[in-house]
Amino acid sequence: MCLAVPGRVLDIEERDGTRMATVDFGGVVKEVCLEYLPDLQVGEYAIVHVGFALQRLDEESARQTLELFAELGLLQEEFGDAWETAATEAGVAPVEDVRNQ
């Protein structure tokens, strides 16, 4: 499932003529394109889908949404565990799977 997830802009820079931001999604940090929200500033929140900031969001709404997604396990589903993803890509079974064998 692909979600539109709220994130907080940590920094902004221009790369090859494209405005890009580093965005924090409740602990997961990703690069995001700001072309649809050219006036978004550091510290503001936005709804992000497939790497594009689509809509500005207030901090309280972003916090509530992230909490709800976390409770429902949707952030884990969307972002996954970085170690588990790296292990899978390397063709190694995650640690908990090794212990259960």
Protein backbone atom coordinates (compact mmCIF):
# COMPACT_ATOMS: atom_id res chain seq x y z
CA MET A 1 0.00 0.00 0.00
CA CYS A 2 1.26 3.49 -0.78
CA LEU A 3 0.42 6.18 1.72
CA ALA A 4 0.61 9.93 1.62
CA VAL A 5 2.60 10.49 4.82
CA PRO A 6 3.14 13.74 6.73
CA GLY A 7 6.71 14.80 7.26
CA ARG A 8 8.67 17.75 8.68
CA VAL A 9 11.13 19.58 6.43
CA LEU A 10 14.64 19.49 7.92
CA ASP A 11 16.53 21.31 5.17
CA ILE A 12 16.08 22.51 1.61
CA GLU A 13 18.49 22.75 -1.30
CA GLU A 14 18.38 23.10 -5.04
CA ARG A 15 19.80 20.23 -7.08
CA ASP A 16 20.13 20.55 -10.83
CA GLY A 17 17.38 23.18 -10.88
CA THR A 18 14.99 21.16 -8.70
CA ARG A 19 14.05 22.22 -5.17
CA MET A 20 14.62 19.23 -2.85
CA ALA A 21 14.19 18.74 0.90
CA THR A 22 15.31 16.31 3.56
CA VAL A 23 12.09 15.33 5.37
CA ASP A 24 11.59 13.52 8.68
CA PHE A 25 8.65 11.10 8.81
CA GLY A 26 8.57 10.38 12.54
CA GLY A 27 12.14 9.09 12.59
CA VAL A 28 12.54 7.97 8.98
CA VAL A 29 14.38 10.57 6.89
CA LYS A 30 13.96 10.73 3.10
CA GLU A 31 14.65 13.08 0.21
CA VAL A 32 11.55 14.78 -1.22
CA CYS A 33 10.88 16.94 -4.26
CA LEU A 34 9.28 20.33 -3.49
CA GLU A 35 8.27 21.34 -7.01
CA TYR A 36 4.55 21.22 -6.16
CA LEU A 37 5.07 23.35 -3.02
CA PRO A 38 7.76 25.84 -4.02
CA ASP A 39 7.19 28.09 -0.99
CA LEU A 40 7.44 25.32 1.66
CA GLN A 41 9.99 26.25 4.35
CA VAL A 42 12.26 24.43 6.81
CA GLY A 43 10.26 23.39 9.87
CA GLU A 44 6.95 23.15 8.04
CA TYR A 45 5.03 19.92 7.49
CA ALA A 46 3.75 18.49 4.23
CA ILE A 47 1.89 15.44 3.00
CA VAL A 48 4.30 13.44 0.83
CA HIS A 49 3.46 10.75 -1.69
CA VAL A 50 5.97 8.87 -3.88
CA GLY A 51 8.69 11.39 -3.11
CA PHE A 52 6.71 14.56 -3.81
CA ALA A 53 5.43 17.06 -1.24
CA LEU A 54 1.81 17.59 -2.23
CA GLN A 55 0.14 19.68 0.46
CA ARG A 56 1.17 21.81 3.44
CA LEU A 57 -0.04 20.51 6.81
CA ASP A 58 -0.11 21.99 10.31
CA GLU A 59 2.06 20.40 13.00
CA GLU A 60 -0.80 19.05 15.13
CA SER A 61 -2.46 17.31 12.18
CA ALA A 62 0.89 15.83 11.13
CA ARG A 63 1.55 14.54 14.67
CA GLN A 64 -1.90 12.98 15.00
CA THR A 65 -1.64 11.31 11.61
CA LEU A 66 1.83 9.89 12.33
CA GLU A 67 0.62 8.54 15.69
CA LEU A 68 -2.38 6.88 14.05
CA PHE A 69 -0.24 5.37 11.27
CA ALA A 70 2.21 4.04 13.89
CA GLU A 71 -0.62 2.49 15.95
CA LEU A 72 -1.97 0.78 12.85
CA GLY A 73 1.49 -0.42 11.80
CA LEU A 74 1.28 1.49 8.55
CA LEU A 75 4.63 3.25 8.95
CA GLN A 76 6.38 -0.09 9.34
CA GLU A 77 4.52 -1.34 6.27
CA GLU A 78 5.38 1.78 4.28
CA PHE A 79 8.99 2.32 5.37
CA GLY A 80 9.95 -1.09 6.77
CA ASP A 81 12.80 -1.82 9.08
CA ALA A 82 16.06 -0.58 7.55
CA TRP A 83 18.07 -3.60 8.82
CA GLU A 84 15.46 -6.07 7.60
CA THR A 85 15.35 -4.40 4.19
CA ALA A 86 19.15 -4.43 3.90
CA ALA A 87 19.28 -8.11 4.94
CA THR A 88 16.60 -9.04 2.43
CA GLU A 89 18.38 -7.17 -0.37
CA ALA A 90 21.61 -8.96 0.57
CA GLY A 91 19.83 -12.32 0.52
CA VAL A 92 20.31 -12.88 4.27
CA ALA A 93 17.46 -14.00 6.53
CA PRO A 94 16.50 -11.43 9.20
CA VAL A 95 17.85 -12.24 12.69
CA GLU A 96 14.50 -13.37 14.14
CA ASP A 97 14.06 -15.84 11.27
CA VAL A 98 17.49 -17.36 11.90
CA ARG A 99 16.68 -17.92 15.59
CA ASN A 100 13.41 -19.67 14.76
CA GLN A 101 15.01 -22.24 12.45
